[in-house]
Amino acid sequence: MTPTVLRIKGYRFYFLSNEESRMHVHVTCGEGEAKFWIEPMISLAMFYKLDGRKLRELQSIVEEHENEIVEAWKNHFGKR
């Protein structure tokens, strides 16, 4: 199961249900994909086929919507 958290500017932000317990969010778009850690601070975990400009844009979106992502994580995964 891969619940979508946000759709913004052609990006899909989502969780993978059977993955590690450290809070993070995946992002995909036509050009590639990325994964951002949410805790202990927002940071890039990995990426594929995205340039620096896109990665900065994605990190900015994750930072802007951190509260929504955290709330969606808690609702989806509960208190792991």
C-alpha atoms as a PDB file:
ATOM      1  CA  MET A   1       0.000   0.000   0.000  1.00  0.00           C
ATOM      2  CA  THR A   2       1.367   3.430  -0.931  1.00  0.00           C
ATOM      3  CA  PRO A   3      -0.849   6.184   0.462  1.00  0.00           C
ATOM      4  CA  THR A   4      -0.468   9.552  -1.242  1.00  0.00           C
ATOM      5  CA  VAL A   5       0.123  12.402   1.202  1.00  0.00           C
ATOM      6  CA  LEU A   6       0.315  15.367  -1.200  1.00  0.00           C
ATOM      7  CA  ARG A   7       0.137  16.172  -4.900  1.00  0.00           C
ATOM      8  CA  ILE A   8       1.804  19.466  -5.718  1.00  0.00           C
ATOM      9  CA  LYS A   9       3.220  20.813  -9.013  1.00  0.00           C
ATOM     10  CA  GLY A  10       3.136  17.399 -10.647  1.00  0.00           C
ATOM     11  CA  TYR A  11       4.915  15.743  -7.708  1.00  0.00           C
ATOM     12  CA  ARG A  12       3.402  12.893  -5.721  1.00  0.00           C
ATOM     13  CA  PHE A  13       4.455  12.618  -2.070  1.00  0.00           C
ATOM     14  CA  TYR A  14       3.728   9.218  -0.544  1.00  0.00           C
ATOM     15  CA  PHE A  15       4.657   6.544   1.995  1.00  0.00           C
ATOM     16  CA  LEU A  16       5.579   2.924   1.442  1.00  0.00           C
ATOM     17  CA  SER A  17       3.748   0.896   4.052  1.00  0.00           C
ATOM     18  CA  ASN A  18       6.290  -1.844   4.710  1.00  0.00           C
ATOM     19  CA  GLU A  19       9.491   0.106   5.056  1.00  0.00           C
ATOM     20  CA  GLU A  20      11.748   1.379   7.806  1.00  0.00           C
ATOM     21  CA  SER A  21      10.279   3.057  10.877  1.00  0.00           C
ATOM     22  CA  ARG A  22      12.275   6.314  10.642  1.00  0.00           C
ATOM     23  CA  MET A  23       9.873   9.007   9.455  1.00  0.00           C
ATOM     24  CA  HIS A  24      10.339   9.850   5.770  1.00  0.00           C
ATOM     25  CA  VAL A  25       8.435  10.634   2.587  1.00  0.00           C
ATOM     26  CA  HIS A  26       8.955   9.514  -1.007  1.00  0.00           C
ATOM     27  CA  VAL A  27       8.444  11.837  -3.976  1.00  0.00           C
ATOM     28  CA  THR A  28       7.989  10.911  -7.603  1.00  0.00           C
ATOM     29  CA  CYS A  29       7.496  12.815 -10.837  1.00  0.00           C
ATOM     30  CA  GLY A  30       8.009  12.211 -14.539  1.00  0.00           C
ATOM     31  CA  GLU A  31      11.734  12.936 -14.327  1.00  0.00           C
ATOM     32  CA  GLY A  32      12.673  10.787 -11.330  1.00  0.00           C
ATOM     33  CA  GLU A  33      12.205  10.251  -7.634  1.00  0.00           C
ATOM     34  CA  ALA A  34      13.573  11.128  -4.207  1.00  0.00           C
ATOM     35  CA  LYS A  35      13.234  10.247  -0.544  1.00  0.00           C
ATOM     36  CA  PHE A  36      13.443  12.749   2.304  1.00  0.00           C
ATOM     37  CA  TRP A  37      14.004  12.019   5.976  1.00  0.00           C
ATOM     38  CA  ILE A  38      11.605  13.992   8.161  1.00  0.00           C
ATOM     39  CA  GLU A  39      13.347  13.255  11.439  1.00  0.00           C
ATOM     40  CA  PRO A  40      15.485  14.193  13.203  1.00  0.00           C
ATOM     41  CA  MET A  41      15.556  16.975  10.566  1.00  0.00           C
ATOM     42  CA  ILE A  42      14.412  17.252   6.968  1.00  0.00           C
ATOM     43  CA  SER A  43      17.183  16.018   4.696  1.00  0.00           C
ATOM     44  CA  LEU A  44      17.624  14.239   1.399  1.00  0.00           C
ATOM     45  CA  ALA A  45      17.984  10.473   1.840  1.00  0.00           C
ATOM     46  CA  MET A  46      18.286   9.433  -1.833  1.00  0.00           C
ATOM     47  CA  PHE A  47      17.366  10.509  -5.342  1.00  0.00           C
ATOM     48  CA  TYR A  48      17.277   9.186  -8.883  1.00  0.00           C
ATOM     49  CA  LYS A  49      17.485  11.265 -12.085  1.00  0.00           C
ATOM     50  CA  LEU A  50      16.679  14.644 -10.480  1.00  0.00           C
ATOM     51  CA  ASP A  51      18.907  17.704 -10.756  1.00  0.00           C
ATOM     52  CA  GLY A  52      19.868  20.082  -7.972  1.00  0.00           C
ATOM     53  CA  ARG A  53      17.165  22.608  -8.843  1.00  0.00           C
ATOM     54  CA  LYS A  54      14.396  19.985  -8.569  1.00  0.00           C
ATOM     55  CA  LEU A  55      15.842  18.595  -5.340  1.00  0.00           C
ATOM     56  CA  ARG A  56      15.917  22.069  -3.768  1.00  0.00           C
ATOM     57  CA  GLU A  57      12.319  22.647  -4.885  1.00  0.00           C
ATOM     58  CA  LEU A  58      11.249  19.306  -3.417  1.00  0.00           C
ATOM     59  CA  GLN A  59      13.007  19.944  -0.120  1.00  0.00           C
ATOM     60  CA  SER A  60      11.315  23.339   0.083  1.00  0.00           C
ATOM     61  CA  ILE A  61       7.901  21.720  -0.467  1.00  0.00           C
ATOM     62  CA  VAL A  62       8.613  19.083   2.195  1.00  0.00           C
ATOM     63  CA  GLU A  63       9.655  21.839   4.621  1.00  0.00           C
ATOM     64  CA  GLU A  64       6.505  23.867   3.850  1.00  0.00           C
ATOM     65  CA  HIS A  65       4.257  20.850   4.414  1.00  0.00           C
ATOM     66  CA  GLU A  66       6.163  19.183   7.248  1.00  0.00           C
ATOM     67  CA  ASN A  67       3.205  19.306   9.649  1.00  0.00           C
ATOM     68  CA  GLU A  68       0.863  17.695   7.109  1.00  0.00           C
ATOM     69  CA  ILE A  69       3.409  14.961   6.348  1.00  0.00           C
ATOM     70  CA  VAL A  70       4.005  14.228  10.042  1.00  0.00           C
ATOM     71  CA  GLU A  71       0.264  14.100  10.739  1.00  0.00           C
ATOM     72  CA  ALA A  72      -0.338  11.795   7.757  1.00  0.00           C
ATOM     73  CA  TRP A  73       2.529   9.547   8.935  1.00  0.00           C
ATOM     74  CA  LYS A  74       1.049   9.291  12.410  1.00  0.00           C
ATOM     75  CA  ASN A  75      -2.409   8.556  11.014  1.00  0.00           C
ATOM     76  CA  HIS A  76      -1.098   5.905   8.650  1.00  0.00           C
ATOM     77  CA  PHE A  77       1.513   4.180  10.822  1.00  0.00           C
ATOM     78  CA  GLY A  78       0.288   5.014  14.316  1.00  0.00           C
ATOM     79  CA  LYS A  79       2.859   5.263  17.068  1.00  0.00           C
ATOM     80  CA  ARG A  80       5.557   2.838  15.977  1.00  0.00           C
END
